């Protein structure tokens, strides 16, 4: 068992300052490790609701590059949670998380 599926967030550091009221793009990767990733999902409310990223056309040979645009409505701390789902029904063990601060 290899912690299938695998997901990561790139080019954002924990506590990074972003602008309130302006779109900010998170980006990363997902891979099912011999299983097709059929969904990459994001939550900004600690996992209460999830938004899906379109993975149409994915296959087991390639990593999925994803991006998620978030506009912080007001100053404060926000946590992005991301997880991946495979065709066989596996979901990332624990979503990856990163906190940003809107000013």
PDB file of N, CA and C in Angstrom:
ATOM      1  N   UNK A   1       0.853  -1.177   0.000  1.00  0.00           N
ATOM      2  CA  UNK A   1       0.000   0.000   0.000  1.00  0.00           C
ATOM      3  C   UNK A   1       0.891   1.229   0.000  1.00  0.00           C
ATOM      4  N   UNK A   2       0.649   2.126  -0.922  1.00  0.00           N
ATOM      5  CA  UNK A   2       1.525   3.283  -1.117  1.00  0.00           C
ATOM      6  C   UNK A   2       0.826   4.607  -0.840  1.00  0.00           C
ATOM      7  N   UNK A   3      -0.113   4.658   0.097  1.00  0.00           N
ATOM      8  CA  UNK A   3      -0.840   5.890   0.376  1.00  0.00           C
ATOM      9  C   UNK A   3      -1.531   6.392  -0.896  1.00  0.00           C
ATOM     10  N   UNK A   4      -2.215   5.493  -1.574  1.00  0.00           N
ATOM     11  CA  UNK A   4      -2.924   5.852  -2.802  1.00  0.00           C
ATOM     12  C   UNK A   4      -4.209   6.566  -2.446  1.00  0.00           C
ATOM     13  N   UNK A   5      -4.602   7.529  -3.197  1.00  0.00           N
ATOM     14  CA  UNK A   5      -3.834   8.311  -4.166  1.00  0.00           C
ATOM     15  C   UNK A   5      -2.989   9.379  -3.479  1.00  0.00           C
ATOM     16  N   UNK A   6      -2.006   9.833  -4.201  1.00  0.00           N
ATOM     17  CA  UNK A   6      -1.060  10.812  -3.700  1.00  0.00           C
ATOM     18  C   UNK A   6      -1.459  12.196  -4.207  1.00  0.00           C
ATOM     19  N   UNK A   7      -1.343  13.228  -3.375  1.00  0.00           N
ATOM     20  CA  UNK A   7      -1.664  14.587  -3.780  1.00  0.00           C
ATOM     21  C   UNK A   7      -0.719  15.549  -3.085  1.00  0.00           C
ATOM     22  N   UNK A   8      -0.409  16.646  -3.753  1.00  0.00           N
ATOM     23  CA  UNK A   8       0.472  17.649  -3.162  1.00  0.00           C
ATOM     24  C   UNK A   8       0.105  19.045  -3.610  1.00  0.00           C
ATOM     25  N   UNK A   9       0.518  20.011  -2.824  1.00  0.00           N
ATOM     26  CA  UNK A   9       0.336  21.429  -3.134  1.00  0.00           C
ATOM     27  C   UNK A   9       1.723  22.006  -3.387  1.00  0.00           C
ATOM     28  N   UNK A  10       1.869  22.765  -4.472  1.00  0.00           N
ATOM     29  CA  UNK A  10       3.172  23.304  -4.856  1.00  0.00           C
ATOM     30  C   UNK A  10       3.181  24.835  -4.807  1.00  0.00           C
ATOM     31  N   UNK A  11       4.365  25.391  -4.636  1.00  0.00           N
ATOM     32  CA  UNK A  11       4.646  26.814  -4.773  1.00  0.00           C
ATOM     33  C   UNK A  11       3.880  27.730  -3.822  1.00  0.00           C
ATOM     34  N   UNK A  12       3.427  27.199  -2.700  1.00  0.00           N
ATOM     35  CA  UNK A  12       2.816  28.008  -1.648  1.00  0.00           C
ATOM     36  C   UNK A  12       3.468  27.580  -0.346  1.00  0.00           C
ATOM     37  N   UNK A  13       3.856  28.549   0.475  1.00  0.00           N
ATOM     38  CA  UNK A  13       4.460  28.199   1.763  1.00  0.00           C
ATOM     39  C   UNK A  13       3.442  28.431   2.871  1.00  0.00           C
ATOM     40  N   UNK A  14       3.551  27.667   3.925  1.00  0.00           N
ATOM     41  CA  UNK A  14       2.659  27.786   5.077  1.00  0.00           C
ATOM     42  C   UNK A  14       2.698  29.222   5.599  1.00  0.00           C
ATOM     43  N   UNK A  15       1.523  29.823   5.766  1.00  0.00           N
ATOM     44  CA  UNK A  15       1.423  31.186   6.279  1.00  0.00           C
ATOM     45  C   UNK A  15       1.664  32.274   5.252  1.00  0.00           C
ATOM     46  N   UNK A  16       1.739  31.890   3.986  1.00  0.00           N
ATOM     47  CA  UNK A  16       1.993  32.875   2.931  1.00  0.00           C
ATOM     48  C   UNK A  16       0.940  33.979   2.961  1.00  0.00           C
ATOM     49  N   UNK A  17       1.381  35.211   2.749  1.00  0.00           N
ATOM     50  CA  UNK A  17       0.480  36.364   2.723  1.00  0.00           C
ATOM     51  C   UNK A  17      -0.086  36.506   1.308  1.00  0.00           C
ATOM     52  N   UNK A  18      -1.426  36.594   1.211  1.00  0.00           N
ATOM     53  CA  UNK A  18      -2.093  36.836  -0.063  1.00  0.00           C
ATOM     54  C   UNK A  18      -2.995  38.059   0.093  1.00  0.00           C
ATOM     55  N   UNK A  19      -3.496  38.581  -1.008  1.00  0.00           N
ATOM     56  CA  UNK A  19      -4.316  39.785  -0.954  1.00  0.00           C
ATOM     57  C   UNK A  19      -5.793  39.455  -0.769  1.00  0.00           C
ATOM     58  N   UNK A  20      -6.401  40.098   0.199  1.00  0.00           N
ATOM     59  CA  UNK A  20      -7.831  39.941   0.446  1.00  0.00           C
ATOM     60  C   UNK A  20      -8.612  40.528  -0.723  1.00  0.00           C
ATOM     61  N   UNK A  21      -9.671  39.827  -1.148  1.00  0.00           N
ATOM     62  CA  UNK A  21     -10.522  40.312  -2.229  1.00  0.00           C
ATOM     63  C   UNK A  21      -9.978  40.093  -3.626  1.00  0.00           C
ATOM     64  N   UNK A  22      -8.796  39.482  -3.749  1.00  0.00           N
ATOM     65  CA  UNK A  22      -8.199  39.216  -5.065  1.00  0.00           C
ATOM     66  C   UNK A  22      -8.005  37.713  -5.243  1.00  0.00           C
ATOM     67  N   UNK A  23      -8.255  37.208  -6.457  1.00  0.00           N
ATOM     68  CA  UNK A  23      -8.089  35.765  -6.700  1.00  0.00           C
ATOM     69  C   UNK A  23      -6.652  35.311  -6.452  1.00  0.00           C
ATOM     70  N   UNK A  24      -6.515  34.154  -5.829  1.00  0.00           N
ATOM     71  CA  UNK A  24      -5.220  33.522  -5.603  1.00  0.00           C
ATOM     72  C   UNK A  24      -5.313  32.097  -6.124  1.00  0.00           C
ATOM     73  N   UNK A  25      -4.326  31.678  -6.887  1.00  0.00           N
ATOM     74  CA  UNK A  25      -4.345  30.338  -7.479  1.00  0.00           C
ATOM     75  C   UNK A  25      -3.421  29.389  -6.720  1.00  0.00           C
ATOM     76  N   UNK A  26      -4.020  28.333  -6.171  1.00  0.00           N
ATOM     77  CA  UNK A  26      -3.263  27.224  -5.599  1.00  0.00           C
ATOM     78  C   UNK A  26      -3.022  26.241  -6.742  1.00  0.00           C
ATOM     79  N   UNK A  27      -1.918  25.518  -6.700  1.00  0.00           N
ATOM     80  CA  UNK A  27      -1.654  24.506  -7.720  1.00  0.00           C
ATOM     81  C   UNK A  27      -0.935  23.323  -7.104  1.00  0.00           C
ATOM     82  N   UNK A  28      -1.031  22.192  -7.798  1.00  0.00           N
ATOM     83  CA  UNK A  28      -0.377  21.001  -7.292  1.00  0.00           C
ATOM     84  C   UNK A  28      -0.511  19.830  -8.234  1.00  0.00           C
ATOM     85  N   UNK A  29      -0.349  18.637  -7.682  1.00  0.00           N
ATOM     86  CA  UNK A  29      -0.353  17.413  -8.469  1.00  0.00           C
ATOM     87  C   UNK A  29      -1.167  16.345  -7.761  1.00  0.00           C
ATOM     88  N   UNK A  30      -1.589  15.351  -8.505  1.00  0.00           N
ATOM     89  CA  UNK A  30      -2.236  14.161  -7.944  1.00  0.00           C
ATOM     90  C   UNK A  30      -1.868  12.973  -8.813  1.00  0.00           C
ATOM     91  N   UNK A  31      -1.759  11.814  -8.184  1.00  0.00           N
ATOM     92  CA  UNK A  31      -1.433  10.591  -8.915  1.00  0.00           C
ATOM     93  C   UNK A  31      -2.003   9.404  -8.159  1.00  0.00           C
ATOM     94  N   UNK A  32      -2.569   8.468  -8.897  1.00  0.00           N
ATOM     95  CA  UNK A  32      -3.197   7.309  -8.273  1.00  0.00           C
ATOM     96  C   UNK A  32      -2.305   6.107  -8.104  1.00  0.00           C
ATOM     97  N   UNK A  33      -1.062   6.176  -8.578  1.00  0.00           N
ATOM     98  CA  UNK A  33      -0.133   5.053  -8.437  1.00  0.00           C
ATOM     99  C   UNK A  33      -0.784   3.747  -8.909  1.00  0.00           C
ATOM    100  N   UNK A  34      -0.926   3.617 -10.214  1.00  0.00           N
ATOM    101  CA  UNK A  34      -1.528   2.466 -10.893  1.00  0.00           C
ATOM    102  C   UNK A  34      -3.048   2.443 -10.811  1.00  0.00           C
ATOM    103  N   UNK A  35      -3.652   3.518 -10.361  1.00  0.00           N
ATOM    104  CA  UNK A  35      -5.100   3.663 -10.384  1.00  0.00           C
ATOM    105  C   UNK A  35      -5.426   5.032 -10.975  1.00  0.00           C
ATOM    106  N   UNK A  36      -6.500   5.096 -11.725  1.00  0.00           N
ATOM    107  CA  UNK A  36      -6.906   6.339 -12.363  1.00  0.00           C
ATOM    108  C   UNK A  36      -7.527   7.287 -11.336  1.00  0.00           C
ATOM    109  N   UNK A  37      -7.044   8.529 -11.307  1.00  0.00           N
ATOM    110  CA  UNK A  37      -7.627   9.547 -10.436  1.00  0.00           C
ATOM    111  C   UNK A  37      -8.853  10.121 -11.157  1.00  0.00           C
ATOM    112  N   UNK A  38     -10.019  10.005 -10.518  1.00  0.00           N
ATOM    113  CA  UNK A  38     -11.265  10.490 -11.129  1.00  0.00           C
ATOM    114  C   UNK A  38     -11.749  11.793 -10.502  1.00  0.00           C
ATOM    115  N   UNK A  39     -11.109  12.221  -9.402  1.00  0.00           N
ATOM    116  CA  UNK A  39     -11.493  13.498  -8.791  1.00  0.00           C
ATOM    117  C   UNK A  39     -10.348  14.044  -7.950  1.00  0.00           C
ATOM    118  N   UNK A  40     -10.185  15.350  -8.022  1.00  0.00           N
ATOM    119  CA  UNK A  40      -9.353  16.096  -7.090  1.00  0.00           C
ATOM    120  C   UNK A  40     -10.324  17.063  -6.438  1.00  0.00           C
ATOM    121  N   UNK A  41     -10.358  17.065  -5.107  1.00  0.00           N
ATOM    122  CA  UNK A  41     -11.366  17.848  -4.395  1.00  0.00           C
ATOM    123  C   UNK A  41     -10.704  18.817  -3.422  1.00  0.00           C
ATOM    124  N   UNK A  42     -11.355  19.982  -3.237  1.00  0.00           N
ATOM    125  CA  UNK A  42     -10.824  21.047  -2.407  1.00  0.00           C
ATOM    126  C   UNK A  42     -11.859  21.494  -1.402  1.00  0.00           C
ATOM    127  N   UNK A  43     -11.389  21.883  -0.220  1.00  0.00           N
ATOM    128  CA  UNK A  43     -12.272  22.432   0.810  1.00  0.00           C
ATOM    129  C   UNK A  43     -11.592  23.631   1.453  1.00  0.00           C
ATOM    130  N   UNK A  44     -12.372  24.682   1.680  1.00  0.00           N
ATOM    131  CA  UNK A  44     -11.883  25.862   2.394  1.00  0.00           C
ATOM    132  C   UNK A  44     -12.608  26.007   3.730  1.00  0.00           C
ATOM    133  N   UNK A  45     -13.418  25.005   4.113  1.00  0.00           N
ATOM    134  CA  UNK A  45     -14.183  25.084   5.372  1.00  0.00           C
ATOM    135  C   UNK A  45     -13.918  23.869   6.266  1.00  0.00           C
ATOM    136  N   UNK A  46     -12.633  23.441   6.278  1.00  0.00           N
ATOM    137  CA  UNK A  46     -12.189  22.325   7.134  1.00  0.00           C
ATOM    138  C   UNK A  46     -12.884  21.004   6.808  1.00  0.00           C
ATOM    139  N   UNK A  47     -13.263  20.814   5.535  1.00  0.00           N
ATOM    140  CA  UNK A  47     -13.799  19.538   5.093  1.00  0.00           C
ATOM    141  C   UNK A  47     -15.302  19.396   5.157  1.00  0.00           C
ATOM    142  N   UNK A  48     -16.016  20.465   5.496  1.00  0.00           N
ATOM    143  CA  UNK A  48     -17.481  20.376   5.519  1.00  0.00           C
ATOM    144  C   UNK A  48     -18.057  20.251   4.114  1.00  0.00           C
ATOM    145  N   UNK A  49     -17.506  21.001   3.170  1.00  0.00           N
ATOM    146  CA  UNK A  49     -17.934  20.911   1.771  1.00  0.00           C
ATOM    147  C   UNK A  49     -16.695  20.779   0.892  1.00  0.00           C
ATOM    148  N   UNK A  50     -16.870  20.140  -0.258  1.00  0.00           N
ATOM    149  CA  UNK A  50     -15.765  19.900  -1.191  1.00  0.00           C
ATOM    150  C   UNK A  50     -16.155  20.353  -2.584  1.00  0.00           C
ATOM    151  N   UNK A  51     -15.197  20.946  -3.304  1.00  0.00           N
ATOM    152  CA  UNK A  51     -15.360  21.358  -4.700  1.00  0.00           C
ATOM    153  C   UNK A  51     -14.471  20.458  -5.541  1.00  0.00           C
ATOM    154  N   UNK A  52     -14.997  19.926  -6.653  1.00  0.00           N
ATOM    155  CA  UNK A  52     -14.223  19.021  -7.507  1.00  0.00           C
ATOM    156  C   UNK A  52     -13.539  19.755  -8.652  1.00  0.00           C
ATOM    157  N   UNK A  53     -12.350  19.277  -8.978  1.00  0.00           N
ATOM    158  CA  UNK A  53     -11.596  19.737 -10.133  1.00  0.00           C
ATOM    159  C   UNK A  53     -11.789  18.704 -11.235  1.00  0.00           C
ATOM    160  N   UNK A  54     -12.013  19.148 -12.443  1.00  0.00           N
ATOM    161  CA  UNK A  54     -12.257  18.251 -13.566  1.00  0.00           C
ATOM    162  C   UNK A  54     -10.996  17.458 -13.921  1.00  0.00           C
ATOM    163  N   UNK A  55     -11.051  16.140 -13.828  1.00  0.00           N
ATOM    164  CA  UNK A  55      -9.917  15.277 -14.188  1.00  0.00           C
ATOM    165  C   UNK A  55     -10.226  14.455 -15.441  1.00  0.00           C
ATOM    166  N   UNK A  56     -11.203  14.903 -16.213  1.00  0.00           N
ATOM    167  CA  UNK A  56     -11.581  14.183 -17.438  1.00  0.00           C
ATOM    168  C   UNK A  56     -10.357  13.966 -18.323  1.00  0.00           C
ATOM    169  N   UNK A  57     -10.234  12.767 -18.837  1.00  0.00           N
ATOM    170  CA  UNK A  57      -9.114  12.432 -19.705  1.00  0.00           C
ATOM    171  C   UNK A  57      -7.889  11.935 -18.955  1.00  0.00           C
ATOM    172  N   UNK A  58      -7.974  11.813 -17.640  1.00  0.00           N
ATOM    173  CA  UNK A  58      -6.817  11.329 -16.887  1.00  0.00           C
ATOM    174  C   UNK A  58      -6.628   9.835 -17.134  1.00  0.00           C
ATOM    175  N   UNK A  59      -5.427   9.370 -16.894  1.00  0.00           N
ATOM    176  CA  UNK A  59      -5.151   7.941 -16.997  1.00  0.00           C
ATOM    177  C   UNK A  59      -4.078   7.576 -15.968  1.00  0.00           C
ATOM    178  N   UNK A  60      -3.739   6.315 -15.886  1.00  0.00           N
ATOM    179  CA  UNK A  60      -2.792   5.867 -14.859  1.00  0.00           C
ATOM    180  C   UNK A  60      -1.341   6.196 -15.202  1.00  0.00           C
ATOM    181  N   UNK A  61      -1.081   6.634 -16.413  1.00  0.00           N
ATOM    182  CA  UNK A  61       0.286   6.893 -16.848  1.00  0.00           C
ATOM    183  C   UNK A  61       0.800   8.284 -16.477  1.00  0.00           C
ATOM    184  N   UNK A  62      -0.103   9.224 -16.211  1.00  0.00           N
ATOM    185  CA  UNK A  62       0.313  10.610 -16.001  1.00  0.00           C
ATOM    186  C   UNK A  62      -0.161  11.169 -14.669  1.00  0.00           C
ATOM    187  N   UNK A  63       0.656  12.045 -14.126  1.00  0.00           N
ATOM    188  CA  UNK A  63       0.254  12.799 -12.949  1.00  0.00           C
ATOM    189  C   UNK A  63      -0.727  13.867 -13.407  1.00  0.00           C
ATOM    190  N   UNK A  64      -1.642  14.224 -12.548  1.00  0.00           N
ATOM    191  CA  UNK A  64      -2.594  15.291 -12.852  1.00  0.00           C
ATOM    192  C   UNK A  64      -2.059  16.577 -12.256  1.00  0.00           C
ATOM    193  N   UNK A  65      -1.974  17.613 -13.084  1.00  0.00           N
ATOM    194  CA  UNK A  65      -1.652  18.949 -12.592  1.00  0.00           C
ATOM    195  C   UNK A  65      -2.983  19.648 -12.363  1.00  0.00           C
ATOM    196  N   UNK A  66      -3.202  20.218 -11.180  1.00  0.00           N
ATOM    197  CA  UNK A  66      -4.468  20.873 -10.884  1.00  0.00           C
ATOM    198  C   UNK A  66      -4.213  22.304 -10.425  1.00  0.00           C
ATOM    199  N   UNK A  67      -5.255  23.124 -10.527  1.00  0.00           N
ATOM    200  CA  UNK A  67      -5.199  24.457  -9.922  1.00  0.00           C
ATOM    201  C   UNK A  67      -6.575  24.778  -9.370  1.00  0.00           C
ATOM    202  N   UNK A  68      -6.582  25.600  -8.340  1.00  0.00           N
ATOM    203  CA  UNK A  68      -7.801  25.974  -7.649  1.00  0.00           C
ATOM    204  C   UNK A  68      -7.697  27.453  -7.307  1.00  0.00           C
ATOM    205  N   UNK A  69      -8.640  28.242  -7.812  1.00  0.00           N
ATOM    206  CA  UNK A  69      -8.628  29.684  -7.581  1.00  0.00           C
ATOM    207  C   UNK A  69      -9.562  30.012  -6.424  1.00  0.00           C
ATOM    208  N   UNK A  70      -9.026  30.745  -5.456  1.00  0.00           N
ATOM    209  CA  UNK A  70      -9.782  31.148  -4.272  1.00  0.00           C
ATOM    210  C   UNK A  70      -9.623  32.647  -4.079  1.00  0.00           C
ATOM    211  N   UNK A  71     -10.734  33.326  -3.839  1.00  0.00           N
ATOM    212  CA  UNK A  71     -10.707  34.754  -3.541  1.00  0.00           C
ATOM    213  C   UNK A  71     -11.119  34.942  -2.084  1.00  0.00           C
ATOM    214  N   UNK A  72     -10.174  35.302  -1.217  1.00  0.00           N
ATOM    215  CA  UNK A  72     -10.541  35.494   0.187  1.00  0.00           C
ATOM    216  C   UNK A  72     -11.475  36.694   0.326  1.00  0.00           C
ATOM    217  N   UNK A  73     -12.642  36.487   0.918  1.00  0.00           N
ATOM    218  CA  UNK A  73     -13.622  37.557   0.991  1.00  0.00           C
ATOM    219  C   UNK A  73     -13.231  38.685   1.947  1.00  0.00           C
ATOM    220  N   UNK A  74     -12.402  38.374   2.941  1.00  0.00           N
ATOM    221  CA  UNK A  74     -11.992  39.382   3.922  1.00  0.00           C
ATOM    222  C   UNK A  74     -10.652  38.974   4.510  1.00  0.00           C
ATOM    223  N   UNK A  75      -9.964  39.888   5.185  1.00  0.00           N
ATOM    224  CA  UNK A  75      -8.685  39.528   5.817  1.00  0.00           C
ATOM    225  C   UNK A  75      -8.874  38.403   6.837  1.00  0.00           C
ATOM    226  N   UNK A  76      -7.848  37.573   6.959  1.00  0.00           N
ATOM    227  CA  UNK A  76      -7.892  36.475   7.921  1.00  0.00           C
ATOM    228  C   UNK A  76      -7.090  35.289   7.433  1.00  0.00           C
ATOM    229  N   UNK A  77      -7.086  34.228   8.217  1.00  0.00           N
ATOM    230  CA  UNK A  77      -6.383  32.989   7.880  1.00  0.00           C
ATOM    231  C   UNK A  77      -7.349  32.027   7.197  1.00  0.00           C
ATOM    232  N   UNK A  78      -6.870  31.355   6.167  1.00  0.00           N
ATOM    233  CA  UNK A  78      -7.668  30.390   5.415  1.00  0.00           C
ATOM    234  C   UNK A  78      -6.836  29.129   5.218  1.00  0.00           C
ATOM    235  N   UNK A  79      -7.491  27.975   5.316  1.00  0.00           N
ATOM    236  CA  UNK A  79      -6.811  26.694   5.138  1.00  0.00           C
ATOM    237  C   UNK A  79      -7.414  25.979   3.936  1.00  0.00           C
ATOM    238  N   UNK A  80      -6.560  25.679   2.949  1.00  0.00           N
ATOM    239  CA  UNK A  80      -6.974  24.861   1.813  1.00  0.00           C
ATOM    240  C   UNK A  80      -6.698  23.417   2.165  1.00  0.00           C
ATOM    241  N   UNK A  81      -7.705  22.560   1.977  1.00  0.00           N
ATOM    242  CA  UNK A  81      -7.546  21.118   2.098  1.00  0.00           C
ATOM    243  C   UNK A  81      -7.751  20.529   0.702  1.00  0.00           C
ATOM    244  N   UNK A  82      -6.919  19.571   0.318  1.00  0.00           N
ATOM    245  CA  UNK A  82      -7.045  18.941  -0.997  1.00  0.00           C
ATOM    246  C   UNK A  82      -6.903  17.432  -0.839  1.00  0.00           C
ATOM    247  N   UNK A  83      -7.710  16.698  -1.619  1.00  0.00           N
ATOM    248  CA  UNK A  83      -7.641  15.233  -1.606  1.00  0.00           C
ATOM    249  C   UNK A  83      -7.911  14.724  -3.020  1.00  0.00           C
ATOM    250  N   UNK A  84      -7.502  13.491  -3.273  1.00  0.00           N
ATOM    251  CA  UNK A  84      -7.729  12.857  -4.573  1.00  0.00           C
ATOM    252  C   UNK A  84      -8.527  11.574  -4.371  1.00  0.00           C
ATOM    253  N   UNK A  85      -9.275  11.195  -5.415  1.00  0.00           N
ATOM    254  CA  UNK A  85     -10.115   9.998  -5.387  1.00  0.00           C
ATOM    255  C   UNK A  85      -9.804   9.171  -6.632  1.00  0.00           C
ATOM    256  N   UNK A  86      -9.648   7.842  -6.456  1.00  0.00           N
ATOM    257  CA  UNK A  86      -9.371   6.980  -7.603  1.00  0.00           C
ATOM    258  C   UNK A  86     -10.648   6.316  -8.106  1.00  0.00           C
ATOM    259  N   UNK A  87     -10.551   5.771  -9.305  1.00  0.00           N
ATOM    260  CA  UNK A  87     -11.671   5.062  -9.925  1.00  0.00           C
ATOM    261  C   UNK A  87     -12.135   3.886  -9.067  1.00  0.00           C
ATOM    262  N   UNK A  88     -11.196   3.290  -8.316  1.00  0.00           N
ATOM    263  CA  UNK A  88     -11.522   2.160  -7.450  1.00  0.00           C
ATOM    264  C   UNK A  88     -12.122   2.593  -6.111  1.00  0.00           C
ATOM    265  N   UNK A  89     -12.229   3.908  -5.894  1.00  0.00           N
ATOM    266  CA  UNK A  89     -12.860   4.420  -4.680  1.00  0.00           C
ATOM    267  C   UNK A  89     -11.924   4.789  -3.545  1.00  0.00           C
ATOM    268  N   UNK A  90     -10.614   4.684  -3.763  1.00  0.00           N
ATOM    269  CA  UNK A  90      -9.685   5.106  -2.719  1.00  0.00           C
ATOM    270  C   UNK A  90      -9.648   6.629  -2.642  1.00  0.00           C
ATOM    271  N   UNK A  91      -9.562   7.151  -1.419  1.00  0.00           N
ATOM    272  CA  UNK A  91      -9.466   8.589  -1.182  1.00  0.00           C
ATOM    273  C   UNK A  91      -8.179   8.825  -0.405  1.00  0.00           C
ATOM    274  N   UNK A  92      -7.488   9.910  -0.690  1.00  0.00           N
ATOM    275  CA  UNK A  92      -6.255  10.234   0.040  1.00  0.00           C
ATOM    276  C   UNK A  92      -6.464  10.016   1.532  1.00  0.00           C
ATOM    277  N   UNK A  93      -5.517   9.322   2.176  1.00  0.00           N
ATOM    278  CA  UNK A  93      -5.612   9.029   3.613  1.00  0.00           C
ATOM    279  C   UNK A  93      -5.996  10.256   4.416  1.00  0.00           C
ATOM    280  N   UNK A  94      -5.223  11.292   4.250  1.00  0.00           N
ATOM    281  CA  UNK A  94      -5.481  12.556   4.913  1.00  0.00           C
ATOM    282  C   UNK A  94      -5.311  13.639   3.868  1.00  0.00           C
ATOM    283  N   UNK A  95      -6.255  14.549   3.773  1.00  0.00           N
ATOM    284  CA  UNK A  95      -6.074  15.641   2.814  1.00  0.00           C
ATOM    285  C   UNK A  95      -4.811  16.431   3.150  1.00  0.00           C
ATOM    286  N   UNK A  96      -4.141  16.947   2.124  1.00  0.00           N
ATOM    287  CA  UNK A  96      -3.037  17.869   2.380  1.00  0.00           C
ATOM    288  C   UNK A  96      -3.653  19.207   2.751  1.00  0.00           C
ATOM    289  N   UNK A  97      -2.964  19.953   3.580  1.00  0.00           N
ATOM    290  CA  UNK A  97      -3.484  21.238   4.050  1.00  0.00           C
ATOM    291  C   UNK A  97      -2.399  22.290   3.977  1.00  0.00           C
ATOM    292  N   UNK A  98      -2.817  23.519   3.687  1.00  0.00           N
ATOM    293  CA  UNK A  98      -1.900  24.642   3.762  1.00  0.00           C
ATOM    294  C   UNK A  98      -2.697  25.872   4.162  1.00  0.00           C
ATOM    295  N   UNK A  99      -2.104  26.658   5.065  1.00  0.00           N
ATOM    296  CA  UNK A  99      -2.757  27.875   5.526  1.00  0.00           C
ATOM    297  C   UNK A  99      -2.132  29.087   4.842  1.00  0.00           C
ATOM    298  N   UNK A 100      -2.993  30.009   4.419  1.00  0.00           N
ATOM    299  CA  UNK A 100      -2.552  31.288   3.891  1.00  0.00           C
ATOM    300  C   UNK A 100      -3.224  32.387   4.708  1.00  0.00           C
ATOM    301  N   UNK A 101      -2.635  33.579   4.694  1.00  0.00           N
ATOM    302  CA  UNK A 101      -3.189  34.703   5.445  1.00  0.00           C
ATOM    303  C   UNK A 101      -3.499  35.830   4.476  1.00  0.00           C
ATOM    304  N   UNK A 102      -4.765  36.228   4.441  1.00  0.00           N
ATOM    305  CA  UNK A 102      -5.204  37.313   3.565  1.00  0.00           C
ATOM    306  C   UNK A 102      -5.107  38.636   4.310  1.00  0.00           C
ATOM    307  N   UNK A 103      -4.484  39.615   3.675  1.00  0.00           N
ATOM    308  CA  UNK A 103      -4.372  40.961   4.253  1.00  0.00           C
ATOM    309  C   UNK A 103      -4.834  41.988   3.255  1.00  0.00           C
TER     310      UNK A 103
END
